[in-house]
Every structure is written in C-alpha cells, then in structure tokens.
Amino acid sequence: MSKQEQLQEIFRDVLDNALLVLTPELAPANCGDWDSVAMVQIVLAVESAFGVRFSTDEVADIKSAADIFKKIDA
C-alpha cells in the first residue's frame, strides 16, 4: 500500500467517509468534517502509521492534506 493510500485510509477512518478521495487540496476549509478534533486524530494516526512527529507549530501550520504529504515525504 502506498503512502497516499495509507493516508487516504486514515482520513476516511477519522472523517467517517468511506468514499473520500484524498487530494492535496483537501483542507479543513473545504471539508466540513475536518474540525479541530479530527485534526488531532489525523495527526496522531499519521504519526503512528508513518513514524513521524509533528511539533505544535507544524500542526498549527497544517492548512491542507498537502502539508501532511510534505511531512511524511520529508
């Protein structure tokens, strides 16, 4: 399973949307279910799945799925 597929599964699970198609443009601003609680759940799941750690500043700077892609590809 690719990183994008893994990340999509995380988003589908957290946002409870089995049909969600993860794109770099997906963002809290255009996804009503992506609220602050979902952000915490997404960050924790990504950290666990990919063995990365987000600093508080990095979490605050997440504006879209693209920002998370960058972190796991770093």
N, C-alpha and C. Protein backbone atom coordinates (compact mmCIF):
# COMPACT_ATOMS: atom_id res chain seq x y z
N MET A 1 0.86 -1.19 0.00
CA MET A 1 0.00 0.00 0.00
C MET A 1 0.90 1.24 0.00
N SER A 2 0.61 2.17 -0.89
CA SER A 2 1.41 3.39 -0.99
C SER A 2 1.12 4.33 0.18
N LYS A 3 2.00 5.31 0.35
CA LYS A 3 1.79 6.31 1.41
C LYS A 3 0.47 7.04 1.21
N GLN A 4 0.17 7.37 -0.04
CA GLN A 4 -1.08 8.09 -0.32
C GLN A 4 -2.29 7.22 0.05
N GLU A 5 -2.23 5.95 -0.28
CA GLU A 5 -3.33 5.04 0.06
C GLU A 5 -3.47 4.90 1.57
N GLN A 6 -2.35 4.81 2.28
CA GLN A 6 -2.40 4.73 3.74
C GLN A 6 -3.00 6.01 4.32
N LEU A 7 -2.56 7.14 3.80
CA LEU A 7 -3.07 8.42 4.28
C LEU A 7 -4.56 8.56 3.98
N GLN A 8 -4.97 8.12 2.81
CA GLN A 8 -6.39 8.17 2.47
C GLN A 8 -7.20 7.33 3.44
N GLU A 9 -6.71 6.17 3.80
CA GLU A 9 -7.41 5.31 4.76
C GLU A 9 -7.54 6.00 6.12
N ILE A 10 -6.50 6.70 6.54
CA ILE A 10 -6.56 7.44 7.80
C ILE A 10 -7.65 8.50 7.73
N PHE A 11 -7.65 9.28 6.66
CA PHE A 11 -8.66 10.32 6.51
C PHE A 11 -10.06 9.73 6.44
N ARG A 12 -10.23 8.65 5.69
CA ARG A 12 -11.54 8.01 5.60
C ARG A 12 -12.03 7.55 6.97
N ASP A 13 -11.13 6.96 7.73
CA ASP A 13 -11.48 6.46 9.06
C ASP A 13 -11.84 7.62 10.00
N VAL A 14 -10.96 8.60 10.08
CA VAL A 14 -11.18 9.72 11.01
C VAL A 14 -12.41 10.53 10.63
N LEU A 15 -12.57 10.79 9.34
CA LEU A 15 -13.69 11.63 8.89
C LEU A 15 -14.95 10.80 8.63
N ASP A 16 -14.88 9.49 8.86
CA ASP A 16 -16.01 8.59 8.72
C ASP A 16 -16.69 8.74 7.36
N ASN A 17 -15.84 8.66 6.31
CA ASN A 17 -16.33 8.81 4.94
C ASN A 17 -15.59 7.81 4.06
N ALA A 18 -16.22 6.66 3.84
CA ALA A 18 -15.58 5.58 3.08
C ALA A 18 -15.35 5.94 1.62
N LEU A 19 -16.01 6.97 1.13
CA LEU A 19 -15.87 7.36 -0.27
C LEU A 19 -14.93 8.53 -0.49
N LEU A 20 -14.36 9.06 0.57
CA LEU A 20 -13.48 10.22 0.47
C LEU A 20 -12.30 9.91 -0.44
N VAL A 21 -12.03 10.82 -1.35
CA VAL A 21 -10.86 10.72 -2.22
C VAL A 21 -9.89 11.81 -1.75
N LEU A 22 -8.76 11.37 -1.25
CA LEU A 22 -7.79 12.31 -0.71
C LEU A 22 -7.02 13.00 -1.83
N THR A 23 -7.07 14.32 -1.83
CA THR A 23 -6.31 15.13 -2.77
C THR A 23 -5.48 16.13 -1.96
N PRO A 24 -4.40 16.66 -2.54
CA PRO A 24 -3.61 17.65 -1.83
C PRO A 24 -4.43 18.89 -1.44
N GLU A 25 -5.49 19.16 -2.18
CA GLU A 25 -6.30 20.36 -1.92
C GLU A 25 -7.29 20.18 -0.78
N LEU A 26 -7.50 18.94 -0.33
CA LEU A 26 -8.44 18.71 0.77
C LEU A 26 -7.95 19.48 1.99
N ALA A 27 -8.85 20.24 2.59
CA ALA A 27 -8.47 21.11 3.70
C ALA A 27 -9.64 21.28 4.66
N PRO A 28 -9.36 21.67 5.89
CA PRO A 28 -10.45 21.94 6.83
C PRO A 28 -11.44 22.97 6.27
N ALA A 29 -10.95 23.90 5.49
CA ALA A 29 -11.81 24.95 4.94
C ALA A 29 -12.83 24.41 3.93
N ASN A 30 -12.52 23.28 3.27
CA ASN A 30 -13.45 22.74 2.28
C ASN A 30 -13.97 21.34 2.63
N CYS A 31 -13.73 20.93 3.86
CA CYS A 31 -14.21 19.63 4.34
C CYS A 31 -14.82 19.85 5.72
N GLY A 32 -16.13 19.94 5.75
CA GLY A 32 -16.82 20.28 6.99
C GLY A 32 -16.54 19.36 8.17
N ASP A 33 -16.21 18.09 7.89
CA ASP A 33 -15.95 17.15 8.98
C ASP A 33 -14.53 17.27 9.55
N TRP A 34 -13.67 18.01 8.87
CA TRP A 34 -12.28 18.15 9.33
C TRP A 34 -12.21 19.33 10.29
N ASP A 35 -12.56 19.07 11.54
CA ASP A 35 -12.53 20.11 12.57
C ASP A 35 -11.30 19.90 13.45
N SER A 36 -11.24 20.63 14.56
CA SER A 36 -10.06 20.56 15.42
C SER A 36 -9.88 19.18 16.05
N VAL A 37 -10.97 18.53 16.39
CA VAL A 37 -10.88 17.17 16.97
C VAL A 37 -10.36 16.20 15.90
N ALA A 38 -10.89 16.30 14.70
CA ALA A 38 -10.42 15.45 13.61
C ALA A 38 -8.95 15.71 13.32
N MET A 39 -8.52 16.97 13.41
CA MET A 39 -7.11 17.30 13.17
C MET A 39 -6.22 16.54 14.14
N VAL A 40 -6.59 16.54 15.40
CA VAL A 40 -5.79 15.82 16.40
C VAL A 40 -5.76 14.33 16.09
N GLN A 41 -6.91 13.78 15.73
CA GLN A 41 -6.98 12.35 15.40
C GLN A 41 -6.15 12.03 14.16
N ILE A 42 -6.21 12.88 13.16
CA ILE A 42 -5.43 12.67 11.94
C ILE A 42 -3.94 12.72 12.25
N VAL A 43 -3.52 13.73 12.98
CA VAL A 43 -2.10 13.88 13.33
C VAL A 43 -1.61 12.67 14.11
N LEU A 44 -2.35 12.24 15.11
CA LEU A 44 -1.93 11.08 15.90
C LEU A 44 -1.85 9.82 15.05
N ALA A 45 -2.83 9.62 14.17
CA ALA A 45 -2.83 8.44 13.31
C ALA A 45 -1.67 8.48 12.31
N VAL A 46 -1.38 9.66 11.75
CA VAL A 46 -0.27 9.79 10.81
C VAL A 46 1.06 9.56 11.53
N GLU A 47 1.20 10.12 12.71
CA GLU A 47 2.43 9.90 13.48
C GLU A 47 2.65 8.42 13.74
N SER A 48 1.60 7.73 14.12
CA SER A 48 1.71 6.30 14.41
C SER A 48 2.00 5.48 13.15
N ALA A 49 1.29 5.76 12.07
CA ALA A 49 1.43 4.98 10.85
C ALA A 49 2.76 5.19 10.14
N PHE A 50 3.29 6.41 10.20
CA PHE A 50 4.48 6.75 9.42
C PHE A 50 5.73 7.00 10.26
N GLY A 51 5.61 6.89 11.57
CA GLY A 51 6.78 7.07 12.42
C GLY A 51 7.37 8.47 12.38
N VAL A 52 6.50 9.46 12.24
CA VAL A 52 6.93 10.86 12.24
C VAL A 52 6.35 11.54 13.47
N ARG A 53 6.88 12.72 13.77
CA ARG A 53 6.35 13.51 14.88
C ARG A 53 6.13 14.92 14.38
N PHE A 54 4.97 15.45 14.69
CA PHE A 54 4.63 16.83 14.35
C PHE A 54 4.85 17.70 15.58
N SER A 55 5.53 18.81 15.41
CA SER A 55 5.64 19.77 16.51
C SER A 55 4.33 20.54 16.59
N THR A 56 4.13 21.23 17.68
CA THR A 56 2.92 22.05 17.84
C THR A 56 2.82 23.07 16.71
N ASP A 57 3.95 23.68 16.35
CA ASP A 57 3.96 24.66 15.27
C ASP A 57 3.59 24.02 13.93
N GLU A 58 4.09 22.81 13.68
CA GLU A 58 3.76 22.12 12.43
C GLU A 58 2.27 21.82 12.35
N VAL A 59 1.68 21.39 13.45
CA VAL A 59 0.25 21.11 13.47
C VAL A 59 -0.53 22.39 13.19
N ALA A 60 -0.11 23.48 13.80
CA ALA A 60 -0.78 24.77 13.60
C ALA A 60 -0.67 25.24 12.15
N ASP A 61 0.39 24.82 11.46
CA ASP A 61 0.61 25.24 10.08
C ASP A 61 -0.08 24.35 9.04
N ILE A 62 -0.72 23.26 9.47
CA ILE A 62 -1.41 22.38 8.52
C ILE A 62 -2.66 23.09 8.01
N LYS A 63 -2.65 23.36 6.72
CA LYS A 63 -3.78 24.03 6.08
C LYS A 63 -4.48 23.14 5.07
N SER A 64 -3.81 22.02 4.71
CA SER A 64 -4.39 21.10 3.72
C SER A 64 -3.70 19.74 3.83
N ALA A 65 -4.24 18.78 3.11
CA ALA A 65 -3.61 17.46 3.08
C ALA A 65 -2.20 17.53 2.50
N ALA A 66 -1.96 18.49 1.62
CA ALA A 66 -0.63 18.66 1.02
C ALA A 66 0.43 18.89 2.10
N ASP A 67 0.07 19.62 3.14
CA ASP A 67 1.03 19.87 4.23
C ASP A 67 1.40 18.57 4.94
N ILE A 68 0.45 17.67 5.05
CA ILE A 68 0.73 16.38 5.68
C ILE A 68 1.56 15.51 4.74
N PHE A 69 1.23 15.52 3.45
CA PHE A 69 2.04 14.80 2.45
C PHE A 69 3.52 15.21 2.57
N LYS A 70 3.76 16.51 2.67
CA LYS A 70 5.14 17.02 2.76
C LYS A 70 5.84 16.45 3.97
N LYS A 71 5.15 16.38 5.10
CA LYS A 71 5.77 15.90 6.34
C LYS A 71 6.14 14.42 6.24
N ILE A 72 5.27 13.61 5.65
CA ILE A 72 5.59 12.18 5.60
C ILE A 72 6.59 11.84 4.51
N ASP A 73 6.76 12.74 3.55
CA ASP A 73 7.75 12.53 2.50
C ASP A 73 9.10 13.15 2.83
N ALA A 74 9.18 13.87 3.94
CA ALA A 74 10.42 14.56 4.31
C ALA A 74 11.47 13.57 4.77
